Structures are given as C-alpha cells and as structure tokens.
Amino acid sequence: MKLSYHRRVQTEVNEAVDWYEEQSAGLGDDFFAKLKEALTQIEARPEGFSFWLASPSVRRVKLRRFPYDV
C-alpha cells in the first residue's frame, strides 16, 4: 500500500519532534523513529489495525511510548 499524507503532516511532525527534543535530548529522534515504525507497519498490513471510534473506514495505530495515533 502506498501512503498519502495531508499537507499539514510535515509541519505537525516537525513541531512534535522539536517539542520532544526540548523536553529531553534524543527524545525527538525517538519519537520520529516510532512514527516511522508505525508507518512501516501500516504499509505492510493496512487492514491489521483497529477502526478509529465508530468509523467503518478509518483505522489507526497507536505510537508506542507517545500519545499519538496514526
């Protein structure tokens, strides 16, 4: 599966990486690594994740260690 991204994704990811990095050195890199891991999982098996709320068409994966859903 080829992923597509909303135009604001890059800005939001950069802001999150910067915020985590301000909290603790290296934490921004860890956040970005977990995000890439989740995206790789989604590409590999997009139907392997639970549906978001009551949506019959939107699925999500939770990032490990961080309070984000993709």
N, C-alpha and C. Protein backbone atom coordinates (compact mmCIF):
# COMPACT_ATOMS: atom_id res chain seq x y z
N MET A 1 0.83 -1.17 0.00
CA MET A 1 0.00 0.00 0.00
C MET A 1 0.88 1.24 0.00
N LYS A 2 0.52 2.21 -0.80
CA LYS A 2 1.25 3.48 -0.82
C LYS A 2 0.50 4.47 0.07
N LEU A 3 1.21 5.05 1.01
CA LEU A 3 0.60 6.01 1.92
C LEU A 3 0.57 7.39 1.29
N SER A 4 -0.45 8.16 1.64
CA SER A 4 -0.51 9.56 1.25
C SER A 4 -0.72 10.37 2.53
N TYR A 5 -0.28 11.60 2.51
CA TYR A 5 -0.29 12.42 3.71
C TYR A 5 -1.00 13.74 3.47
N HIS A 6 -1.70 14.19 4.47
CA HIS A 6 -2.31 15.51 4.44
C HIS A 6 -1.19 16.54 4.42
N ARG A 7 -1.41 17.69 3.80
CA ARG A 7 -0.35 18.69 3.63
C ARG A 7 0.20 19.22 4.96
N ARG A 8 -0.55 19.11 6.05
CA ARG A 8 -0.08 19.61 7.33
C ARG A 8 0.76 18.60 8.12
N VAL A 9 0.86 17.40 7.62
CA VAL A 9 1.57 16.36 8.38
C VAL A 9 3.01 16.74 8.67
N GLN A 10 3.74 17.21 7.67
CA GLN A 10 5.15 17.53 7.87
C GLN A 10 5.33 18.59 8.95
N THR A 11 4.50 19.62 8.94
CA THR A 11 4.58 20.67 9.94
C THR A 11 4.31 20.11 11.34
N GLU A 12 3.27 19.31 11.47
CA GLU A 12 2.92 18.75 12.77
C GLU A 12 4.00 17.81 13.28
N VAL A 13 4.57 17.01 12.40
CA VAL A 13 5.64 16.10 12.81
C VAL A 13 6.86 16.91 13.27
N ASN A 14 7.23 17.92 12.50
CA ASN A 14 8.38 18.75 12.89
C ASN A 14 8.15 19.41 14.24
N GLU A 15 6.94 19.92 14.47
CA GLU A 15 6.63 20.56 15.75
C GLU A 15 6.73 19.56 16.90
N ALA A 16 6.21 18.36 16.69
CA ALA A 16 6.27 17.34 17.74
C ALA A 16 7.72 16.93 18.02
N VAL A 17 8.51 16.72 16.98
CA VAL A 17 9.92 16.35 17.15
C VAL A 17 10.64 17.45 17.94
N ASP A 18 10.43 18.69 17.56
CA ASP A 18 11.08 19.81 18.26
C ASP A 18 10.65 19.88 19.72
N TRP A 19 9.36 19.70 19.97
CA TRP A 19 8.86 19.77 21.36
C TRP A 19 9.48 18.66 22.21
N TYR A 20 9.50 17.43 21.69
CA TYR A 20 10.08 16.33 22.46
C TYR A 20 11.57 16.53 22.67
N GLU A 21 12.24 17.08 21.68
CA GLU A 21 13.68 17.32 21.81
C GLU A 21 13.95 18.37 22.88
N GLU A 22 13.07 19.36 23.02
CA GLU A 22 13.22 20.36 24.07
C GLU A 22 13.02 19.74 25.46
N GLN A 23 12.21 18.70 25.54
CA GLN A 23 11.95 18.05 26.82
C GLN A 23 13.16 17.24 27.28
N SER A 24 13.80 16.59 26.32
CA SER A 24 14.95 15.74 26.66
C SER A 24 15.73 15.44 25.39
N ALA A 25 17.03 15.60 25.45
CA ALA A 25 17.88 15.35 24.28
C ALA A 25 17.69 13.92 23.80
N GLY A 26 17.44 13.77 22.50
CA GLY A 26 17.26 12.46 21.89
C GLY A 26 15.82 11.98 21.86
N LEU A 27 14.95 12.62 22.64
CA LEU A 27 13.55 12.18 22.68
C LEU A 27 12.83 12.49 21.37
N GLY A 28 13.19 13.58 20.72
CA GLY A 28 12.61 13.90 19.42
C GLY A 28 12.97 12.84 18.38
N ASP A 29 14.21 12.39 18.41
CA ASP A 29 14.63 11.33 17.49
C ASP A 29 13.88 10.03 17.77
N ASP A 30 13.67 9.74 19.06
CA ASP A 30 12.94 8.53 19.43
C ASP A 30 11.49 8.62 18.94
N PHE A 31 10.87 9.78 19.10
CA PHE A 31 9.51 9.97 18.60
C PHE A 31 9.46 9.72 17.10
N PHE A 32 10.39 10.31 16.35
CA PHE A 32 10.40 10.16 14.90
C PHE A 32 10.62 8.70 14.50
N ALA A 33 11.47 7.99 15.23
CA ALA A 33 11.71 6.58 14.94
C ALA A 33 10.45 5.76 15.16
N LYS A 34 9.70 6.05 16.23
CA LYS A 34 8.46 5.32 16.50
C LYS A 34 7.41 5.63 15.42
N LEU A 35 7.39 6.87 14.96
CA LEU A 35 6.47 7.25 13.89
C LEU A 35 6.79 6.49 12.61
N LYS A 36 8.07 6.44 12.24
CA LYS A 36 8.47 5.70 11.03
C LYS A 36 8.14 4.22 11.17
N GLU A 37 8.32 3.68 12.36
CA GLU A 37 7.99 2.27 12.61
C GLU A 37 6.49 2.03 12.37
N ALA A 38 5.66 2.92 12.88
CA ALA A 38 4.21 2.79 12.70
C ALA A 38 3.84 2.89 11.22
N LEU A 39 4.45 3.81 10.50
CA LEU A 39 4.14 3.96 9.08
C LEU A 39 4.55 2.72 8.29
N THR A 40 5.67 2.13 8.66
CA THR A 40 6.12 0.89 8.01
C THR A 40 5.12 -0.23 8.27
N GLN A 41 4.62 -0.31 9.49
CA GLN A 41 3.62 -1.33 9.83
C GLN A 41 2.34 -1.13 9.03
N ILE A 42 1.92 0.13 8.89
CA ILE A 42 0.71 0.43 8.14
C ILE A 42 0.88 0.03 6.68
N GLU A 43 2.02 0.35 6.10
CA GLU A 43 2.27 -0.03 4.70
C GLU A 43 2.25 -1.54 4.52
N ALA A 44 2.79 -2.26 5.49
CA ALA A 44 2.90 -3.71 5.38
C ALA A 44 1.56 -4.41 5.54
N ARG A 45 0.72 -3.91 6.44
CA ARG A 45 -0.57 -4.56 6.67
C ARG A 45 -1.63 -3.54 7.10
N PRO A 46 -2.11 -2.77 6.16
CA PRO A 46 -3.04 -1.68 6.47
C PRO A 46 -4.35 -2.12 7.11
N GLU A 47 -4.78 -3.33 6.87
CA GLU A 47 -6.04 -3.79 7.44
C GLU A 47 -5.85 -4.48 8.78
N GLY A 48 -4.65 -4.45 9.30
CA GLY A 48 -4.36 -5.14 10.55
C GLY A 48 -4.55 -4.32 11.81
N PHE A 49 -5.18 -3.17 11.68
CA PHE A 49 -5.33 -2.29 12.84
C PHE A 49 -6.80 -2.02 13.11
N SER A 50 -7.09 -1.65 14.35
CA SER A 50 -8.48 -1.43 14.74
C SER A 50 -9.05 -0.17 14.10
N PHE A 51 -10.37 -0.15 14.01
CA PHE A 51 -11.05 1.03 13.48
C PHE A 51 -11.03 2.14 14.52
N TRP A 52 -11.01 3.36 14.02
CA TRP A 52 -11.00 4.54 14.88
C TRP A 52 -12.43 4.89 15.24
N LEU A 53 -12.71 4.95 16.52
CA LEU A 53 -14.06 5.22 17.04
C LEU A 53 -15.06 4.30 16.34
N ALA A 54 -16.11 4.85 15.81
CA ALA A 54 -17.13 4.02 15.17
C ALA A 54 -16.99 4.02 13.65
N SER A 55 -15.88 4.50 13.14
CA SER A 55 -15.71 4.61 11.70
C SER A 55 -15.52 3.23 11.06
N PRO A 56 -16.27 2.97 10.00
CA PRO A 56 -16.08 1.71 9.29
C PRO A 56 -14.96 1.77 8.25
N SER A 57 -14.31 2.93 8.10
CA SER A 57 -13.30 3.05 7.06
C SER A 57 -11.97 3.64 7.52
N VAL A 58 -11.91 4.16 8.74
CA VAL A 58 -10.68 4.79 9.23
C VAL A 58 -10.07 3.90 10.31
N ARG A 59 -8.85 3.47 10.07
CA ARG A 59 -8.14 2.65 11.05
C ARG A 59 -7.03 3.47 11.68
N ARG A 60 -6.51 2.99 12.79
CA ARG A 60 -5.43 3.72 13.46
C ARG A 60 -4.44 2.76 14.09
N VAL A 61 -3.24 3.26 14.25
CA VAL A 61 -2.21 2.55 15.01
C VAL A 61 -1.70 3.55 16.04
N LYS A 62 -1.55 3.09 17.26
CA LYS A 62 -1.04 3.94 18.32
C LYS A 62 0.47 3.87 18.35
N LEU A 63 1.11 5.01 18.53
CA LEU A 63 2.57 5.02 18.64
C LEU A 63 2.96 4.47 20.00
N ARG A 64 3.98 3.68 20.02
CA ARG A 64 4.50 3.18 21.29
C ARG A 64 5.24 4.30 22.01
N ARG A 65 4.94 4.43 23.28
CA ARG A 65 5.60 5.38 24.19
C ARG A 65 5.12 6.82 24.04
N PHE A 66 4.41 7.15 22.99
CA PHE A 66 3.98 8.52 22.74
C PHE A 66 2.47 8.58 22.56
N PRO A 67 1.83 9.66 23.00
CA PRO A 67 0.37 9.74 22.93
C PRO A 67 -0.16 10.20 21.57
N TYR A 68 0.19 9.46 20.54
CA TYR A 68 -0.22 9.80 19.17
C TYR A 68 -0.82 8.58 18.50
N ASP A 69 -1.81 8.84 17.67
CA ASP A 69 -2.39 7.81 16.79
C ASP A 69 -2.09 8.22 15.36
N VAL A 70 -1.84 7.24 14.52
CA VAL A 70 -1.62 7.49 13.09
C VAL A 70 -2.73 6.79 12.34
